[in-house]
């Protein structure tokens, strides 16, 4: 059985690049799809517009979500997911540069699985991904 797709919602190109490298170094088997704003995340999840081909853009088994996004914020995307019956149970891991306790509390109200603060060291991203593998949210090769 083919590993399920992970959707990473990240507007910073270098952060998306480091995540792709970390997926390889952590030997994550799941394919990674990246979208750059909240509207693209919703379109991807709905399977509309450029994401209509479900063979190419399958529903994810996990979403890695930044909070500070253009168009729709991470909180708005999270709210939309939890209000959508087909996606209500989608596991969401917040991956944000914010360590603000209010941000953490607000996201936990929406039933996130983890809140990870983006590290400055790319090796730390690998460690965080290894934790998600241990928790069963990602598959290892």
N, C-alpha and C. Protein backbone atom coordinates (compact mmCIF):
# COMPACT_ATOMS: atom_id res chain seq x y z
N UNK A 1 0.84 -1.18 0.00
CA UNK A 1 0.00 0.00 0.00
C UNK A 1 0.88 1.24 0.00
N UNK A 2 0.54 2.18 -0.82
CA UNK A 2 1.31 3.41 -0.98
C UNK A 2 1.11 4.33 0.24
N UNK A 3 2.19 4.92 0.78
CA UNK A 3 2.04 5.84 1.91
C UNK A 3 1.19 7.05 1.52
N UNK A 4 0.40 7.52 2.46
CA UNK A 4 -0.49 8.64 2.19
C UNK A 4 0.25 9.97 2.20
N UNK A 5 -0.30 10.91 1.45
CA UNK A 5 0.29 12.23 1.25
C UNK A 5 0.18 13.09 2.50
N UNK A 6 1.19 13.92 2.69
CA UNK A 6 1.20 14.95 3.73
C UNK A 6 1.08 16.29 3.02
N UNK A 7 0.19 17.15 3.51
CA UNK A 7 0.04 18.49 2.96
C UNK A 7 0.73 19.49 3.89
N UNK A 8 1.68 20.22 3.35
CA UNK A 8 2.41 21.23 4.12
C UNK A 8 1.99 22.60 3.60
N UNK A 9 1.43 23.42 4.48
CA UNK A 9 0.97 24.76 4.12
C UNK A 9 1.99 25.75 4.67
N UNK A 10 2.79 26.31 3.76
CA UNK A 10 3.93 27.16 4.15
C UNK A 10 4.20 28.19 3.08
N UNK A 11 4.20 29.46 3.46
CA UNK A 11 4.42 30.53 2.48
C UNK A 11 5.89 30.90 2.32
N UNK A 12 6.75 30.49 3.21
CA UNK A 12 8.17 30.81 3.12
C UNK A 12 8.88 29.72 2.32
N UNK A 13 9.41 30.08 1.16
CA UNK A 13 10.02 29.11 0.26
C UNK A 13 11.17 28.35 0.92
N UNK A 14 12.01 29.05 1.68
CA UNK A 14 13.15 28.35 2.31
C UNK A 14 12.68 27.37 3.38
N UNK A 15 11.60 27.69 4.10
CA UNK A 15 11.07 26.75 5.10
C UNK A 15 10.54 25.49 4.42
N UNK A 16 9.86 25.66 3.28
CA UNK A 16 9.35 24.51 2.52
C UNK A 16 10.52 23.66 2.03
N UNK A 17 11.57 24.31 1.56
CA UNK A 17 12.76 23.58 1.10
C UNK A 17 13.38 22.77 2.24
N UNK A 18 13.56 23.40 3.42
CA UNK A 18 14.15 22.69 4.55
C UNK A 18 13.28 21.52 4.99
N UNK A 19 11.96 21.66 4.89
CA UNK A 19 11.07 20.56 5.25
C UNK A 19 11.25 19.40 4.27
N UNK A 20 11.37 19.70 2.98
CA UNK A 20 11.57 18.64 1.99
C UNK A 20 12.89 17.90 2.25
N UNK A 21 13.93 18.64 2.57
CA UNK A 21 15.22 18.02 2.90
C UNK A 21 15.10 17.18 4.17
N UNK A 22 14.41 17.72 5.17
CA UNK A 22 14.23 16.99 6.43
C UNK A 22 13.44 15.71 6.22
N UNK A 23 12.44 15.73 5.34
CA UNK A 23 11.69 14.51 5.02
C UNK A 23 12.64 13.43 4.50
N UNK A 24 13.57 13.82 3.65
CA UNK A 24 14.53 12.85 3.11
C UNK A 24 15.47 12.34 4.20
N UNK A 25 15.99 13.26 5.02
CA UNK A 25 16.95 12.87 6.06
C UNK A 25 16.30 12.03 7.16
N UNK A 26 15.02 12.30 7.47
CA UNK A 26 14.31 11.52 8.48
C UNK A 26 13.76 10.22 7.89
N UNK A 27 13.97 10.05 6.57
CA UNK A 27 13.51 8.87 5.85
C UNK A 27 11.99 8.69 5.97
N UNK A 28 11.27 9.80 5.77
CA UNK A 28 9.81 9.76 5.79
C UNK A 28 9.34 9.20 4.45
N UNK A 29 8.48 8.19 4.52
CA UNK A 29 7.98 7.54 3.31
C UNK A 29 6.84 8.31 2.65
N UNK A 30 6.13 9.11 3.42
CA UNK A 30 4.98 9.84 2.89
C UNK A 30 5.41 10.89 1.88
N UNK A 31 4.71 10.97 0.74
CA UNK A 31 4.98 12.08 -0.19
C UNK A 31 4.51 13.39 0.42
N UNK A 32 5.19 14.46 0.06
CA UNK A 32 4.89 15.79 0.61
C UNK A 32 4.39 16.69 -0.51
N UNK A 33 3.21 17.28 -0.30
CA UNK A 33 2.67 18.30 -1.19
C UNK A 33 2.75 19.63 -0.44
N UNK A 34 3.14 20.69 -1.14
CA UNK A 34 3.29 22.00 -0.52
C UNK A 34 2.37 23.00 -1.21
N UNK A 35 1.61 23.75 -0.42
CA UNK A 35 0.85 24.89 -0.92
C UNK A 35 1.30 26.10 -0.12
N UNK A 36 1.12 27.31 -0.71
CA UNK A 36 1.78 28.49 -0.15
C UNK A 36 0.86 29.48 0.57
N UNK A 37 -0.44 29.21 0.62
CA UNK A 37 -1.31 30.11 1.39
C UNK A 37 -2.57 29.37 1.82
N UNK A 38 -3.36 30.04 2.64
CA UNK A 38 -4.56 29.43 3.19
C UNK A 38 -5.61 29.10 2.13
N UNK A 39 -5.76 29.95 1.13
CA UNK A 39 -6.74 29.68 0.06
C UNK A 39 -6.34 28.45 -0.74
N UNK A 40 -5.05 28.30 -1.02
CA UNK A 40 -4.58 27.11 -1.74
C UNK A 40 -4.82 25.86 -0.89
N UNK A 41 -4.63 25.97 0.42
CA UNK A 41 -4.86 24.82 1.31
C UNK A 41 -6.32 24.38 1.22
N UNK A 42 -7.25 25.32 1.27
CA UNK A 42 -8.68 25.00 1.18
C UNK A 42 -8.99 24.40 -0.19
N UNK A 43 -8.46 25.00 -1.26
CA UNK A 43 -8.70 24.47 -2.61
C UNK A 43 -8.16 23.04 -2.73
N UNK A 44 -6.98 22.81 -2.19
CA UNK A 44 -6.39 21.46 -2.23
C UNK A 44 -7.32 20.48 -1.52
N UNK A 45 -7.75 20.83 -0.31
CA UNK A 45 -8.59 19.93 0.47
C UNK A 45 -9.95 19.70 -0.18
N UNK A 46 -10.47 20.71 -0.86
CA UNK A 46 -11.75 20.57 -1.57
C UNK A 46 -11.58 19.83 -2.89
N UNK A 47 -10.37 19.78 -3.41
CA UNK A 47 -10.13 19.18 -4.71
C UNK A 47 -10.67 20.04 -5.84
N UNK A 48 -10.47 21.36 -5.71
CA UNK A 48 -10.96 22.28 -6.72
C UNK A 48 -9.81 23.00 -7.41
N UNK A 49 -10.15 23.65 -8.53
CA UNK A 49 -9.15 24.42 -9.27
C UNK A 49 -8.00 23.53 -9.71
N UNK A 50 -6.77 23.99 -9.52
CA UNK A 50 -5.62 23.21 -9.98
C UNK A 50 -5.43 21.89 -9.22
N UNK A 51 -6.19 21.69 -8.14
CA UNK A 51 -6.06 20.48 -7.31
C UNK A 51 -7.19 19.48 -7.54
N UNK A 52 -7.91 19.63 -8.65
CA UNK A 52 -9.08 18.78 -8.93
C UNK A 52 -8.70 17.33 -9.23
N UNK A 53 -7.49 17.08 -9.69
CA UNK A 53 -7.05 15.73 -10.02
C UNK A 53 -6.61 15.02 -8.74
N UNK A 54 -7.47 14.15 -8.21
CA UNK A 54 -7.17 13.47 -6.94
C UNK A 54 -6.07 12.43 -7.07
N UNK A 55 -5.79 12.00 -8.28
CA UNK A 55 -4.64 11.09 -8.48
C UNK A 55 -3.35 11.86 -8.20
N UNK A 56 -3.28 13.08 -8.70
CA UNK A 56 -2.09 13.91 -8.54
C UNK A 56 -2.07 14.62 -7.19
N UNK A 57 -3.26 14.97 -6.66
CA UNK A 57 -3.37 15.70 -5.39
C UNK A 57 -4.34 14.97 -4.46
N UNK A 58 -3.91 13.82 -3.94
CA UNK A 58 -4.81 13.04 -3.08
C UNK A 58 -5.07 13.73 -1.74
N UNK A 59 -6.20 13.39 -1.14
CA UNK A 59 -6.46 13.91 0.20
C UNK A 59 -5.32 13.51 1.13
N UNK A 60 -4.87 14.41 1.95
CA UNK A 60 -3.74 14.08 2.84
C UNK A 60 -4.18 13.27 4.05
N UNK A 61 -3.23 12.57 4.62
CA UNK A 61 -3.47 11.86 5.87
C UNK A 61 -3.06 12.72 7.06
N UNK A 62 -2.35 13.82 6.77
CA UNK A 62 -1.86 14.74 7.80
C UNK A 62 -1.59 16.08 7.16
N UNK A 63 -1.86 17.14 7.90
CA UNK A 63 -1.52 18.49 7.44
C UNK A 63 -0.53 19.11 8.41
N UNK A 64 0.55 19.64 7.85
CA UNK A 64 1.49 20.48 8.60
C UNK A 64 1.12 21.90 8.24
N UNK A 65 0.76 22.70 9.23
CA UNK A 65 0.15 24.00 8.97
C UNK A 65 0.89 25.12 9.68
N UNK A 66 1.32 26.10 8.90
CA UNK A 66 1.89 27.33 9.45
C UNK A 66 0.73 28.21 9.90
N UNK A 67 0.95 29.10 10.83
CA UNK A 67 -0.12 29.99 11.28
C UNK A 67 -0.16 31.30 10.51
N UNK A 68 1.01 31.86 10.24
CA UNK A 68 1.09 33.17 9.58
C UNK A 68 1.15 32.97 8.07
N UNK A 69 -0.03 32.96 7.47
CA UNK A 69 -0.16 32.71 6.04
C UNK A 69 -0.88 33.86 5.35
N UNK A 70 -0.59 34.08 4.07
CA UNK A 70 -1.37 35.05 3.31
C UNK A 70 -2.76 34.48 2.96
N UNK A 71 -3.66 35.38 2.65
CA UNK A 71 -5.03 35.07 2.19
C UNK A 71 -5.93 34.57 3.32
N UNK A 72 -5.66 33.43 3.88
CA UNK A 72 -6.35 32.92 5.06
C UNK A 72 -5.28 32.51 6.05
N UNK A 73 -5.44 32.88 7.30
CA UNK A 73 -4.46 32.49 8.32
C UNK A 73 -4.57 31.00 8.62
N UNK A 74 -3.57 30.49 9.28
CA UNK A 74 -3.61 29.09 9.70
C UNK A 74 -4.79 28.80 10.61
N UNK A 75 -5.14 29.74 11.48
CA UNK A 75 -6.30 29.57 12.37
C UNK A 75 -7.58 29.48 11.53
N UNK A 76 -7.70 30.31 10.51
CA UNK A 76 -8.89 30.27 9.65
C UNK A 76 -8.97 28.95 8.88
N UNK A 77 -7.85 28.46 8.41
CA UNK A 77 -7.83 27.17 7.72
C UNK A 77 -8.22 26.06 8.69
N UNK A 78 -7.66 26.10 9.88
CA UNK A 78 -7.97 25.10 10.90
C UNK A 78 -9.45 25.13 11.26
N UNK A 79 -10.01 26.30 11.43
CA UNK A 79 -11.45 26.44 11.71
C UNK A 79 -12.27 25.82 10.57
N UNK A 80 -11.89 26.12 9.33
CA UNK A 80 -12.61 25.60 8.17
C UNK A 80 -12.56 24.06 8.15
N UNK A 81 -11.39 23.50 8.44
CA UNK A 81 -11.25 22.04 8.46
C UNK A 81 -12.18 21.43 9.51
N UNK A 82 -12.19 21.98 10.70
CA UNK A 82 -12.98 21.40 11.79
C UNK A 82 -14.48 21.58 11.57
N UNK A 83 -14.88 22.56 10.74
CA UNK A 83 -16.29 22.76 10.42
C UNK A 83 -16.74 21.91 9.23
N UNK A 84 -15.79 21.29 8.53
CA UNK A 84 -16.09 20.50 7.34
C UNK A 84 -16.21 19.03 7.75
N UNK A 85 -17.41 18.43 7.63
CA UNK A 85 -17.60 17.05 8.11
C UNK A 85 -16.65 16.03 7.49
N UNK A 86 -16.31 16.19 6.20
CA UNK A 86 -15.42 15.21 5.56
C UNK A 86 -13.98 15.32 6.06
N UNK A 87 -13.61 16.46 6.59
CA UNK A 87 -12.21 16.69 7.00
C UNK A 87 -12.05 16.88 8.51
N UNK A 88 -13.15 16.84 9.21
CA UNK A 88 -13.15 17.15 10.65
C UNK A 88 -12.06 16.40 11.42
N UNK A 89 -11.81 15.16 11.04
CA UNK A 89 -10.86 14.33 11.78
C UNK A 89 -9.45 14.33 11.20
N UNK A 90 -9.19 15.18 10.19
CA UNK A 90 -7.85 15.25 9.61
C UNK A 90 -6.84 15.66 10.69
N UNK A 91 -5.81 14.85 10.92
CA UNK A 91 -4.79 15.25 11.89
C UNK A 91 -4.04 16.49 11.39
N UNK A 92 -3.90 17.47 12.28
CA UNK A 92 -3.20 18.71 11.95
C UNK A 92 -2.09 18.93 12.97
N UNK A 93 -0.90 19.18 12.45
CA UNK A 93 0.24 19.57 13.28
C UNK A 93 0.59 21.00 12.90
N UNK A 94 0.57 21.88 13.88
CA UNK A 94 0.98 23.26 13.65
C UNK A 94 2.49 23.29 13.63
N UNK A 95 3.03 23.92 12.60
CA UNK A 95 4.49 24.07 12.46
C UNK A 95 4.73 25.55 12.21
N UNK A 96 4.94 26.29 13.29
CA UNK A 96 4.96 27.75 13.22
C UNK A 96 6.19 28.31 13.94
N UNK A 97 6.56 29.51 13.53
CA UNK A 97 7.65 30.20 14.22
C UNK A 97 7.16 30.84 15.52
N UNK A 98 5.86 30.89 15.71
CA UNK A 98 5.29 31.52 16.91
C UNK A 98 5.32 30.56 18.10
N UNK A 99 5.88 31.06 19.20
CA UNK A 99 5.82 30.31 20.46
C UNK A 99 4.88 31.02 21.44
N UNK A 100 4.05 31.90 20.91
CA UNK A 100 3.09 32.66 21.69
C UNK A 100 2.08 31.72 22.34
N UNK A 101 1.93 31.80 23.66
CA UNK A 101 1.03 30.91 24.38
C UNK A 101 -0.42 31.07 23.93
N UNK A 102 -0.81 32.26 23.52
CA UNK A 102 -2.17 32.49 23.01
C UNK A 102 -2.38 31.72 21.71
N UNK A 103 -1.39 31.74 20.81
CA UNK A 103 -1.49 30.98 19.57
C UNK A 103 -1.62 29.48 19.86
N UNK A 104 -0.82 29.00 20.78
CA UNK A 104 -0.86 27.58 21.14
C UNK A 104 -2.23 27.22 21.71
N UNK A 105 -2.74 28.05 22.61
CA UNK A 105 -4.06 27.79 23.22
C UNK A 105 -5.17 27.83 22.17
N UNK A 106 -5.12 28.80 21.28
CA UNK A 106 -6.17 28.92 20.24
C UNK A 106 -6.19 27.70 19.33
N UNK A 107 -5.01 27.21 18.96
CA UNK A 107 -4.99 26.05 18.06
C UNK A 107 -5.43 24.78 18.77
N UNK A 108 -5.11 24.66 20.04
CA UNK A 108 -5.52 23.46 20.79
C UNK A 108 -7.03 23.38 20.93
N UNK A 109 -7.71 24.52 20.89
CA UNK A 109 -9.18 24.53 20.92
C UNK A 109 -9.75 23.79 19.70
N UNK A 110 -8.98 23.74 18.61
CA UNK A 110 -9.42 23.08 17.38
C UNK A 110 -8.91 21.65 17.27
N UNK A 111 -8.39 21.11 18.35
CA UNK A 111 -8.00 19.71 18.37
C UNK A 111 -6.80 19.35 17.53
N UNK A 112 -5.78 20.18 17.56
CA UNK A 112 -4.55 19.85 16.84
C UNK A 112 -3.86 18.66 17.50
N UNK A 113 -3.01 17.99 16.77
CA UNK A 113 -2.29 16.85 17.32
C UNK A 113 -0.98 17.25 17.99
N UNK A 114 -0.30 18.25 17.42
CA UNK A 114 0.94 18.76 17.99
C UNK A 114 1.09 20.23 17.61
N UNK A 115 1.80 20.95 18.41
CA UNK A 115 2.20 22.31 18.08
C UNK A 115 3.72 22.33 18.14
N UNK A 116 4.34 22.45 16.99
CA UNK A 116 5.81 22.46 16.92
C UNK A 116 6.29 23.86 16.52
N UNK A 117 7.25 24.36 17.27
CA UNK A 117 7.86 25.65 16.94
C UNK A 117 9.00 25.37 15.97
N UNK A 118 9.00 26.11 14.85
CA UNK A 118 10.04 25.94 13.85
C UNK A 118 11.40 26.22 14.48
N UNK A 119 12.30 25.27 14.37
CA UNK A 119 13.64 25.49 14.92
C UNK A 119 14.50 26.30 13.94
N UNK A 120 15.57 26.85 14.45
CA UNK A 120 16.52 27.57 13.61
C UNK A 120 17.53 26.61 12.99
N UNK A 121 17.62 25.42 13.55
CA UNK A 121 18.57 24.42 13.09
C UNK A 121 17.84 23.36 12.27
N UNK A 122 18.20 23.18 10.99
CA UNK A 122 17.52 22.18 10.16
C UNK A 122 17.59 20.76 10.73
N UNK A 123 18.64 20.45 11.49
CA UNK A 123 18.74 19.12 12.09
C UNK A 123 17.63 18.89 13.11
N UNK A 124 17.17 19.97 13.73
CA UNK A 124 16.08 19.86 14.70
C UNK A 124 14.76 19.51 14.00
N UNK A 125 14.58 19.95 12.77
CA UNK A 125 13.37 19.59 12.02
C UNK A 125 13.35 18.07 11.83
N UNK A 126 14.49 17.48 11.54
CA UNK A 126 14.58 16.03 11.38
C UNK A 126 14.14 15.36 12.68
N UNK A 127 14.62 15.85 13.80
CA UNK A 127 14.23 15.27 15.11
C UNK A 127 12.73 15.39 15.32
N UNK A 128 12.13 16.56 14.96
CA UNK A 128 10.70 16.73 15.12
C UNK A 128 9.93 15.75 14.23
N UNK A 129 10.41 15.54 13.01
CA UNK A 129 9.76 14.57 12.12
C UNK A 129 9.88 13.16 12.68
N UNK A 130 11.02 12.83 13.27
CA UNK A 130 11.19 11.51 13.88
C UNK A 130 10.19 11.31 15.01
N UNK A 131 9.87 12.37 15.75
CA UNK A 131 8.85 12.28 16.80
C UNK A 131 7.48 11.99 16.19
N UNK A 132 7.18 12.63 15.05
CA UNK A 132 5.90 12.38 14.38
C UNK A 132 5.84 10.95 13.84
N UNK A 133 6.98 10.39 13.44
CA UNK A 133 7.03 8.99 13.04
C UNK A 133 6.73 8.11 14.25
N UNK A 134 7.37 8.40 15.37
CA UNK A 134 7.15 7.64 16.59
C UNK A 134 5.68 7.69 17.02
N UNK A 135 5.05 8.86 16.83
CA UNK A 135 3.63 9.02 17.19
C UNK A 135 2.68 8.40 16.17
N UNK A 136 3.23 7.86 15.07
CA UNK A 136 2.41 7.21 14.07
C UNK A 136 1.74 8.15 13.07
N UNK A 137 2.14 9.41 13.05
CA UNK A 137 1.56 10.37 12.11
C UNK A 137 2.27 10.37 10.77
N UNK A 138 3.52 9.90 10.75
CA UNK A 138 4.30 9.77 9.51
C UNK A 138 4.81 8.34 9.43
N UNK A 139 5.08 7.90 8.21
CA UNK A 139 5.65 6.58 7.99
C UNK A 139 7.13 6.70 7.64
N UNK A 140 7.93 5.79 8.18
CA UNK A 140 9.36 5.76 7.85
C UNK A 140 9.60 4.76 6.73
N UNK A 141 10.65 5.02 5.96
CA UNK A 141 11.04 4.08 4.89
C UNK A 141 11.55 2.79 5.50
